[in-house]
Amino acid sequence: MPNRPKRDASAAGDPPDHAGAPTLDRGRRFLVRLSGSVGLVTLLASAALAGPTGCASGPNLSDEYGQTARENYELAVANFNDRDWEDAITYADFVRIRFPFSRYAVEAELLIARAEYALKNYVTAQDAFRQFLRLHPTHKHVRNGWVAYMVAVSAYMASPNSVPFLPPHYQRDQALLRETLVELDYFFDHHAGSEMEPLARELEADVKRRLLEHELYVARFHLDGDRPEAAIMRLEAAHDTYPGIGLDAEVLFLLGVTYLRIDEIELAREIFTELQMQHPDHHHGQQAKLYLKYMQERYGPADPNRPRPDRSPPVPTTPAQAKPEQFKDFRWRKEQRKKKREGKADEDEQTPTVPSDAGDAGAAEPEKKPAKGEKKPPAEAEKKPPAEAEKKPPAEAEKKPAGEEPPGE
């Protein structure tokens, strides 16, 4: 029976035989992996192309923006009226950048400032209104004073307010309130008599009242710290700078009490008299009346020649100077080293040279130099050399014959 030829498994679609199974299996795995990689690359490419459209944070230029400056400005106004401030800023900023020479670009700048103010970004709104005031001085809202007024209002709204868990407004920085006064001064200089002036006057009174509250707080702080002179300076300046805003009685009363505290009797009497005359119905006016009665009983009538206390600033005392031998700085150490070197040189000159062969114990020692101011002791008697032969004790003496001794002994 002849051998039948093998079928092509790949063409017929049947499962491969055992001999060709491993080879065909590896080929299919490679194709599957290749097709999977191509599909992944295609998916990532499509996601990258669709990413900017799906994650757009602003309006699409082709779909949502208008073709002209007027259309985009009308869109900005519509969003502003709908209280959609951020989209209004987006459309108005597009008009300002894309159509800078259009008349709608000017209106778009003003709309941006109004939207920033509505978003409570008061510092940004203040800068936007101020820039509009400088760039467009002939605009109708600049000429009637509304823009200058809004610059001051933005600075006022950016100032600290009394909120829970924070110190009161009069204990915090008042730089923005002072800046508000500067902007209001500009308004009164350039737009006096305009229809915005009554509102500006009300704003000025409120700002001055808050600044005066801050000055009173600082004055009380100095009094608590036993610094009455500093408190008097604050109160006098506040009384001259912010008069007639409803806190004059408090300023005068605190000033009179402080004068009385430092024994300025006549100045305190003058302040209390002014307080009683200007504010008779105020409770501080009633207290001033009691103080005047007390001062009349204790110090007598007013005396212009009454001696005043010395209010000159204290002169700092000169600190105690160290004595020359106590003040040991680098100059003293330098002098000591110099003296030490000079003293050593003098000792070397006075020390006699010892010969090299004199090494026995009986060598003469160098004479010591007496200290300064010390008398030299008298010269000691020269030591006699010891006898050449010591006498022997009697027991050990040699016995000599009588005739051997010399005559006469």
Foldseek 3Di string as FASTA:
>chain_A
DDDDDDDDCVVVVHQDDPVCNVVVVVVVVVVVVVVVVVVVVVVVVVCVVCVCVVPPPADDCVPPADDDLVRLQVVLVVCVVVVVLVNSLVSLVCSCVVPVPDPSVLVSLVSNLVSCVSVVVLVVSLVSLVVSCVPCVPDPCNQLLNSLLSNLVSLVSPQDDDDPPDDHSLQDDLPSLVVSVVSLVVSCVRNPPHPCVVVSVVVNLVSLVSPLSNLVVVLVVCVVVVNLVVSLVSLVVSCVPRPDSPCNLVSLLVNLVSCVVQPVLQVSLVSLVVSLVVCVPDPSNVVSVVVNVVCCVPVNDDDPPPDDDDPDDDDDDDDDDDDPVGDDDPVNVVVVVVVVVVVVVVVVVQFDDDDPPPDDPPDDHGDDDDDPPDDDDDDDDDDDDDDPDDDDDVVPDDDDDPVVDDPPD
